[in-house]
Amino acid sequence: YEFGLNQPMPTKEEYVNNEKYQLHHWDWNRKTRI
């Protein structure tokens, strides 16, 4: 959310490459407007 990631799955109201099913690596030091 604070990174503003918003790419949906085709035809679905959910995130593509959903974190429910895979590991993600985040830049936790990143600051954003959000």
All heavy atoms as atom14 arrays in JSON, in Angstrom:
{
  "sequence": "YEFGLNQPMPTKEEYVNNEKYQLHHWDWNRKTRI",
  "atom14_mask": [
    [1, 1, 1, 1, 1, 1, 1, 1, 1, 1, 1, 1, 0, 0],
    [1, 1, 1, 1, 1, 1, 1, 1, 1, 0, 0, 0, 0, 0],
    [1, 1, 1, 1, 1, 1, 1, 1, 1, 1, 1, 0, 0, 0],
    [1, 1, 1, 1, 0, 0, 0, 0, 0, 0, 0, 0, 0, 0],
    [1, 1, 1, 1, 1, 1, 1, 1, 0, 0, 0, 0, 0, 0],
    [1, 1, 1, 1, 1, 1, 1, 1, 0, 0, 0, 0, 0, 0],
    [1, 1, 1, 1, 1, 1, 1, 1, 1, 0, 0, 0, 0, 0],
    [1, 1, 1, 1, 1, 1, 1, 0, 0, 0, 0, 0, 0, 0],
    [1, 1, 1, 1, 1, 1, 1, 1, 0, 0, 0, 0, 0, 0],
    [1, 1, 1, 1, 1, 1, 1, 0, 0, 0, 0, 0, 0, 0],
    [1, 1, 1, 1, 1, 1, 1, 0, 0, 0, 0, 0, 0, 0],
    [1, 1, 1, 1, 1, 1, 1, 1, 1, 0, 0, 0, 0, 0],
    [1, 1, 1, 1, 1, 1, 1, 1, 1, 0, 0, 0, 0, 0],
    [1, 1, 1, 1, 1, 1, 1, 1, 1, 0, 0, 0, 0, 0],
    [1, 1, 1, 1, 1, 1, 1, 1, 1, 1, 1, 1, 0, 0],
    [1, 1, 1, 1, 1, 1, 1, 0, 0, 0, 0, 0, 0, 0],
    [1, 1, 1, 1, 1, 1, 1, 1, 0, 0, 0, 0, 0, 0],
    [1, 1, 1, 1, 1, 1, 1, 1, 0, 0, 0, 0, 0, 0],
    [1, 1, 1, 1, 1, 1, 1, 1, 1, 0, 0, 0, 0, 0],
    [1, 1, 1, 1, 1, 1, 1, 1, 1, 0, 0, 0, 0, 0],
    [1, 1, 1, 1, 1, 1, 1, 1, 1, 1, 1, 1, 0, 0],
    [1, 1, 1, 1, 1, 1, 1, 1, 1, 0, 0, 0, 0, 0],
    [1, 1, 1, 1, 1, 1, 1, 1, 0, 0, 0, 0, 0, 0],
    [1, 1, 1, 1, 1, 1, 1, 1, 1, 1, 0, 0, 0, 0],
    [1, 1, 1, 1, 1, 1, 1, 1, 1, 1, 0, 0, 0, 0],
    [1, 1, 1, 1, 1, 1, 1, 1, 1, 1, 1, 1, 1, 1],
    [1, 1, 1, 1, 1, 1, 1, 1, 0, 0, 0, 0, 0, 0],
    [1, 1, 1, 1, 1, 1, 1, 1, 1, 1, 1, 1, 1, 1],
    [1, 1, 1, 1, 1, 1, 1, 1, 0, 0, 0, 0, 0, 0],
    [1, 1, 1, 1, 1, 1, 1, 1, 1, 1, 1, 0, 0, 0],
    [1, 1, 1, 1, 1, 1, 1, 1, 1, 0, 0, 0, 0, 0],
    [1, 1, 1, 1, 1, 1, 1, 0, 0, 0, 0, 0, 0, 0],
    [1, 1, 1, 1, 1, 1, 1, 1, 1, 1, 1, 0, 0, 0],
    [1, 1, 1, 1, 1, 1, 1, 1, 0, 0, 0, 0, 0, 0]
  ],
  "atom14_positions": [
    [[0.82, -1.21, 0.0], [0.0, 0.0, 0.0], [0.86, 1.25, 0.0], [0.67, 2.15, -0.83], [-0.96, 0.01, 1.19], [-2.1, 0.99, 0.99], [-3.29, 0.56, 0.41], [-1.98, 2.34, 1.33], [-4.33, 1.45, 0.18], [-3.01, 3.23, 1.11], [-4.19, 2.79, 0.54], [-5.21, 3.67, 0.3], [0.0, 0.0, 0.0], [0.0, 0.0, 0.0]],
    [[1.82, 1.33, 0.92], [2.63, 2.55, 0.96], [3.54, 2.67, -0.25], [3.99, 3.77, -0.59], [3.44, 2.65, 2.26], [4.48, 1.58, 2.46], [4.01, 0.49, 3.39], [2.81, 0.16, 3.33], [4.83, -0.03, 4.17], [0.0, 0.0, 0.0], [0.0, 0.0, 0.0], [0.0, 0.0, 0.0], [0.0, 0.0, 0.0], [0.0, 0.0, 0.0]],
    [[3.8, 1.55, -0.94], [4.58, 1.6, -2.18], [3.7, 1.92, -3.39], [4.21, 2.12, -4.49], [5.3, 0.28, -2.41], [6.42, 0.0, -1.43], [7.01, -1.24, -1.36], [6.88, 0.99, -0.56], [8.04, -1.5, -0.45], [7.9, 0.74, 0.35], [8.48, -0.51, 0.41], [0.0, 0.0, 0.0], [0.0, 0.0, 0.0], [0.0, 0.0, 0.0]],
    [[2.39, 1.93, -3.19], [1.47, 2.26, -4.28], [1.39, 1.19, -5.35], [0.98, 1.47, -6.49], [0.0, 0.0, 0.0], [0.0, 0.0, 0.0], [0.0, 0.0, 0.0], [0.0, 0.0, 0.0], [0.0, 0.0, 0.0], [0.0, 0.0, 0.0], [0.0, 0.0, 0.0], [0.0, 0.0, 0.0], [0.0, 0.0, 0.0], [0.0, 0.0, 0.0]],
    [[1.73, -0.06, -5.02], [1.65, -1.14, -6.01], [0.18, -1.44, -6.28], [-0.61, -1.62, -5.36], [2.37, -2.38, -5.49], [3.84, -2.16, -5.11], [4.45, -3.45, -4.6], [4.63, -1.62, -6.3], [0.0, 0.0, 0.0], [0.0, 0.0, 0.0], [0.0, 0.0, 0.0], [0.0, 0.0, 0.0], [0.0, 0.0, 0.0], [0.0, 0.0, 0.0]],
    [[-0.17, -1.52, -7.55], [-1.6, -1.63, -7.86], [-1.9, -2.36, -9.16], [-2.92, -2.13, -9.79], [-2.23, -0.24, -7.91], [-1.65, 0.64, -9.0], [-0.6, 0.34, -9.55], [-2.33, 1.74, -9.32], [0.0, 0.0, 0.0], [0.0, 0.0, 0.0], [0.0, 0.0, 0.0], [0.0, 0.0, 0.0], [0.0, 0.0, 0.0], [0.0, 0.0, 0.0]],
    [[-1.02, -3.28, -9.57], [-1.28, -4.04, -10.79], [-2.19, -5.22, -10.45], [-1.82, -6.1, -9.67], [0.01, -4.55, -11.42], [-0.21, -5.28, -12.74], [1.08, -5.79, -13.36], [2.16, -5.52, -12.86], [0.96, -6.54, -14.45], [0.0, 0.0, 0.0], [0.0, 0.0, 0.0], [0.0, 0.0, 0.0], [0.0, 0.0, 0.0], [0.0, 0.0, 0.0]],
    [[-3.39, -5.26, -11.05], [-4.33, -6.34, -10.71], [-4.13, -7.57, -11.59], [-3.52, -7.5, -12.66], [-5.69, -5.69, -10.99], [-5.42, -4.76, -12.14], [-4.0, -4.26, -11.94], [0.0, 0.0, 0.0], [0.0, 0.0, 0.0], [0.0, 0.0, 0.0], [0.0, 0.0, 0.0], [0.0, 0.0, 0.0], [0.0, 0.0, 0.0], [0.0, 0.0, 0.0]],
    [[-4.68, -8.66, -11.11], [-4.8, -9.85, -11.95], [-5.81, -9.55, -13.07], [-6.77, -8.81, -12.85], [-5.3, -11.03, -11.13], [-4.28, -11.58, -10.16], [-3.13, -12.72, -10.96], [-4.19, -14.14, -11.26], [0.0, 0.0, 0.0], [0.0, 0.0, 0.0], [0.0, 0.0, 0.0], [0.0, 0.0, 0.0], [0.0, 0.0, 0.0], [0.0, 0.0, 0.0]],
    [[-5.62, -10.09, -14.24], [-6.6, -9.88, -15.3], [-7.99, -10.36, -14.87], [-8.14, -11.47, -14.35], [-6.06, -10.73, -16.46], [-4.59, -10.85, -16.19], [-4.46, -10.88, -14.7], [0.0, 0.0, 0.0], [0.0, 0.0, 0.0], [0.0, 0.0, 0.0], [0.0, 0.0, 0.0], [0.0, 0.0, 0.0], [0.0, 0.0, 0.0], [0.0, 0.0, 0.0]],
    [[-8.96, -9.51, -15.02], [-10.38, -9.78, -14.73], [-10.65, -10.0, -13.24], [-11.74, -10.43, -12.87], [-10.91, -11.0, -15.52], [-10.34, -12.21, -14.97], [-10.59, -10.89, -16.99], [0.0, 0.0, 0.0], [0.0, 0.0, 0.0], [0.0, 0.0, 0.0], [0.0, 0.0, 0.0], [0.0, 0.0, 0.0], [0.0, 0.0, 0.0], [0.0, 0.0, 0.0]],
    [[-9.67, -9.71, -12.36], [-9.88, -9.93, -10.93], [-9.48, -8.69, -10.14], [-8.55, -7.97, -10.53], [-9.07, -11.13, -10.43], [-9.53, -12.47, -10.95], [-8.72, -13.59, -10.32], [-9.18, -14.96, -10.83], [-8.41, -16.06, -10.19], [0.0, 0.0, 0.0], [0.0, 0.0, 0.0], [0.0, 0.0, 0.0], [0.0, 0.0, 0.0], [0.0, 0.0, 0.0]],
    [[-10.17, -8.47, -9.02], [-9.85, -7.35, -8.14], [-8.86, -7.82, -7.07], [-9.13, -7.76, -5.88], [-11.12, -6.8, -7.48], [-12.07, -6.12, -8.45], [-13.26, -5.52, -7.75], [-13.23, -5.36, -6.51], [-14.25, -5.21, -8.43], [0.0, 0.0, 0.0], [0.0, 0.0, 0.0], [0.0, 0.0, 0.0], [0.0, 0.0, 0.0], [0.0, 0.0, 0.0]],
    [[-7.71, -8.33, -7.51], [-6.69, -8.75, -6.57], [-5.32, -8.55, -7.21], [-5.2, -8.38, -8.42], [-6.88, -10.19, -6.13], [-6.86, -11.2, -7.25], [-7.17, -12.61, -6.74], [-8.29, -12.84, -6.27], [-6.26, -13.47, -6.83], [0.0, 0.0, 0.0], [0.0, 0.0, 0.0], [0.0, 0.0, 0.0], [0.0, 0.0, 0.0], [0.0, 0.0, 0.0]],
    [[-4.29, -8.58, -6.37], [-2.94, -8.25, -6.83], [-2.37, -9.36, -7.71], [-2.52, -10.56, -7.4], [-2.02, -8.02, -5.64], [-2.34, -6.77, -4.85], [-3.23, -6.82, -3.77], [-1.75, -5.55, -5.18], [-3.51, -5.67, -3.04], [-2.03, -4.4, -4.45], [-2.92, -4.47, -3.39], [-3.2, -3.33, -2.67], [0.0, 0.0, 0.0], [0.0, 0.0, 0.0]],
    [[-1.68, -8.95, -8.77], [-0.93, -9.91, -9.56], [0.3, -10.33, -8.77], [0.79, -9.58, -7.91], [-0.54, -9.29, -10.93], [0.55, -8.23, -10.77], [-0.11, -10.37, -11.92], [0.0, 0.0, 0.0], [0.0, 0.0, 0.0], [0.0, 0.0, 0.0], [0.0, 0.0, 0.0], [0.0, 0.0, 0.0], [0.0, 0.0, 0.0], [0.0, 0.0, 0.0]],
    [[0.79, -11.53, -9.02], [1.92, -12.08, -8.25], [1.62, -11.99, -6.75], [2.42, -11.49, -5.95], [3.22, -11.35, -8.59], [3.61, -11.51, -10.04], [3.43, -12.58, -10.63], [4.11, -10.44, -10.65], [0.0, 0.0, 0.0], [0.0, 0.0, 0.0], [0.0, 0.0, 0.0], [0.0, 0.0, 0.0], [0.0, 0.0, 0.0], [0.0, 0.0, 0.0]],
    [[0.45, -12.47, -6.43], [-0.09, -12.29, -5.08], [0.83, -12.9, -4.03], [1.27, -14.04, -4.14], [-1.47, -12.95, -5.01], [-2.28, -12.47, -3.83], [-1.85, -12.55, -2.69], [-3.47, -11.96, -4.11], [0.0, 0.0, 0.0], [0.0, 0.0, 0.0], [0.0, 0.0, 0.0], [0.0, 0.0, 0.0], [0.0, 0.0, 0.0], [0.0, 0.0, 0.0]],
    [[1.08, -12.1, -3.0], [1.97, -12.52, -1.93], [1.42, -13.7, -1.14], [2.16, -14.36, -0.4], [2.23, -11.33, -1.0], [3.44, -11.48, -0.12], [3.77, -10.21, 0.65], [3.06, -9.2, 0.46], [4.74, -10.24, 1.43], [0.0, 0.0, 0.0], [0.0, 0.0, 0.0], [0.0, 0.0, 0.0], [0.0, 0.0, 0.0], [0.0, 0.0, 0.0]],
    [[0.14, -14.0, -1.31], [-0.43, -15.17, -0.65], [0.24, -16.46, -1.11], [0.21, -17.46, -0.39], [-1.93, -15.25, -0.93], [-2.78, -14.26, -0.2], [-4.25, -14.4, -0.59], [-4.8, -15.76, -0.28], [-6.24, -15.88, -0.61], [0.0, 0.0, 0.0], [0.0, 0.0, 0.0], [0.0, 0.0, 0.0], [0.0, 0.0, 0.0], [0.0, 0.0, 0.0]],
    [[0.81, -16.44, -2.31], [1.31, -17.68, -2.9], [2.81, -17.67, -3.18], [3.33, -18.65, -3.71], [0.56, -17.96, -4.21], [-0.94, -17.99, -4.03], [-1.72, -16.91, -4.42], [-1.57, -19.09, -3.44], [-3.1, -16.93, -4.25], [-2.94, -19.11, -3.27], [-3.7, -18.03, -3.66], [-5.06, -18.04, -3.48], [0.0, 0.0, 0.0], [0.0, 0.0, 0.0]],
    [[3.5, -16.61, -2.84], [4.92, -16.57, -3.14], [5.64, -15.6, -2.21], [5.02, -14.72, -1.6], [5.16, -16.15, -4.59], [4.68, -14.75, -4.93], [4.74, -14.47, -6.42], [3.86, -14.87, -7.18], [5.79, -13.78, -6.84], [0.0, 0.0, 0.0], [0.0, 0.0, 0.0], [0.0, 0.0, 0.0], [0.0, 0.0, 0.0], [0.0, 0.0, 0.0]],
    [[6.95, -15.8, -2.09], [7.78, -14.87, -1.34], [7.98, -13.59, -2.13], [8.02, -13.61, -3.36], [9.15, -15.49, -1.06], [9.24, -16.67, -0.09], [10.7, -17.12, 0.01], [8.72, -16.29, 1.27], [0.0, 0.0, 0.0], [0.0, 0.0, 0.0], [0.0, 0.0, 0.0], [0.0, 0.0, 0.0], [0.0, 0.0, 0.0], [0.0, 0.0, 0.0]],
    [[8.11, -12.48, -1.4], [8.5, -11.22, -2.03], [9.65, -10.63, -1.24], [9.76, -10.84, -0.02], [7.32, -10.22, -2.03], [6.4, -10.4, -3.18], [6.54, -9.72, -4.37], [5.29, -11.17, -3.34], [5.56, -10.06, -5.2], [4.79, -10.95, -4.6], [0.0, 0.0, 0.0], [0.0, 0.0, 0.0], [0.0, 0.0, 0.0], [0.0, 0.0, 0.0]],
    [[10.48, -9.92, -1.93], [11.53, -9.17, -1.25], [11.2, -7.69, -1.4], [10.97, -7.19, -2.5], [12.9, -9.46, -1.85], [13.98, -8.63, -1.22], [14.5, -7.51, -1.83], [14.6, -8.73, -0.01], [15.41, -6.96, -1.04], [15.49, -7.69, 0.06], [0.0, 0.0, 0.0], [0.0, 0.0, 0.0], [0.0, 0.0, 0.0], [0.0, 0.0, 0.0]],
    [[11.16, -6.98, -0.26], [10.79, -5.57, -0.26], [11.97, -4.72, 0.2], [12.77, -5.14, 1.04], [9.62, -5.3, 0.7], [8.4, -6.14, 0.45], [7.91, -7.12, 1.24], [7.51, -6.04, -0.66], [6.77, -7.66, 0.71], [6.5, -7.01, -0.48], [7.47, -5.25, -1.82], [5.46, -7.2, -1.38], [6.43, -5.43, -2.72], [5.44, -6.39, -2.5]],
    [[12.04, -3.52, -0.36], [12.99, -2.52, 0.12], [12.33, -1.79, 1.28], [11.67, -0.77, 1.1], [13.36, -1.55, -1.0], [14.34, -0.47, -0.54], [14.81, -0.56, 0.63], [14.61, 0.45, -1.33], [0.0, 0.0, 0.0], [0.0, 0.0, 0.0], [0.0, 0.0, 0.0], [0.0, 0.0, 0.0], [0.0, 0.0, 0.0], [0.0, 0.0, 0.0]],
    [[12.49, -2.32, 2.47], [11.78, -1.8, 3.64], [12.27, -0.4, 4.03], [11.62, 0.28, 4.83], [11.94, -2.75, 4.82], [11.21, -4.05, 4.63], [11.74, -5.22, 4.19], [9.82, -4.29, 4.87], [10.76, -6.19, 4.15], [9.57, -5.64, 4.56], [8.76, -3.5, 5.32], [8.31, -6.23, 4.68], [7.5, -4.07, 5.44], [7.29, -5.42, 5.12]],
    [[13.39, 0.05, 3.49], [13.88, 1.39, 3.81], [13.31, 2.46, 2.88], [13.57, 3.65, 3.06], [15.42, 1.43, 3.72], [16.06, 0.55, 4.78], [15.63, 0.53, 5.92], [17.09, -0.2, 4.38], [0.0, 0.0, 0.0], [0.0, 0.0, 0.0], [0.0, 0.0, 0.0], [0.0, 0.0, 0.0], [0.0, 0.0, 0.0], [0.0, 0.0, 0.0]],
    [[12.55, 2.04, 1.91], [12.02, 2.97, 0.91], [10.97, 3.89, 1.52], [10.07, 3.44, 2.23], [11.43, 2.17, -0.25], [10.81, 3.0, -1.35], [10.21, 2.07, -2.39], [9.42, 2.78, -3.38], [8.58, 2.19, -4.23], [8.46, 0.86, -4.2], [7.89, 2.9, -5.09], [0.0, 0.0, 0.0], [0.0, 0.0, 0.0], [0.0, 0.0, 0.0]],
    [[11.09, 5.19, 1.24], [10.11, 6.18, 1.66], [9.31, 6.64, 0.44], [9.88, 6.83, -0.64], [10.79, 7.38, 2.31], [11.59, 7.06, 3.56], [10.7, 6.81, 4.75], [11.52, 6.7, 6.03], [10.66, 6.43, 7.21], [0.0, 0.0, 0.0], [0.0, 0.0, 0.0], [0.0, 0.0, 0.0], [0.0, 0.0, 0.0], [0.0, 0.0, 0.0]],
    [[8.04, 6.84, 0.62], [7.2, 7.29, -0.48], [6.27, 8.41, 0.0], [6.12, 8.65, 1.21], [6.33, 6.15, -1.03], [5.34, 5.79, -0.04], [7.16, 4.92, -1.38], [0.0, 0.0, 0.0], [0.0, 0.0, 0.0], [0.0, 0.0, 0.0], [0.0, 0.0, 0.0], [0.0, 0.0, 0.0], [0.0, 0.0, 0.0], [0.0, 0.0, 0.0]],
    [[5.66, 9.06, -0.95], [4.66, 10.08, -0.64], [3.53, 9.48, 0.2], [3.03, 10.12, 1.14], [4.12, 10.63, -1.96], [2.97, 11.61, -1.87], [2.61, 12.05, -3.28], [1.39, 12.85, -3.3], [0.38, 12.66, -4.15], [0.46, 11.68, -5.04], [-0.68, 13.43, -4.11], [0.0, 0.0, 0.0], [0.0, 0.0, 0.0], [0.0, 0.0, 0.0]],
    [[3.17, 8.24, -0.1], [2.09, 7.6, 0.64], [2.53, 7.26, 2.05], [1.79, 7.48, 3.01], [1.61, 6.33, -0.11], [1.11, 6.7, -1.51], [0.51, 5.63, 0.68], [0.81, 5.49, -2.39], [0.0, 0.0, 0.0], [0.0, 0.0, 0.0], [0.0, 0.0, 0.0], [0.0, 0.0, 0.0], [0.0, 0.0, 0.0], [0.0, 0.0, 0.0]]
  ]
}
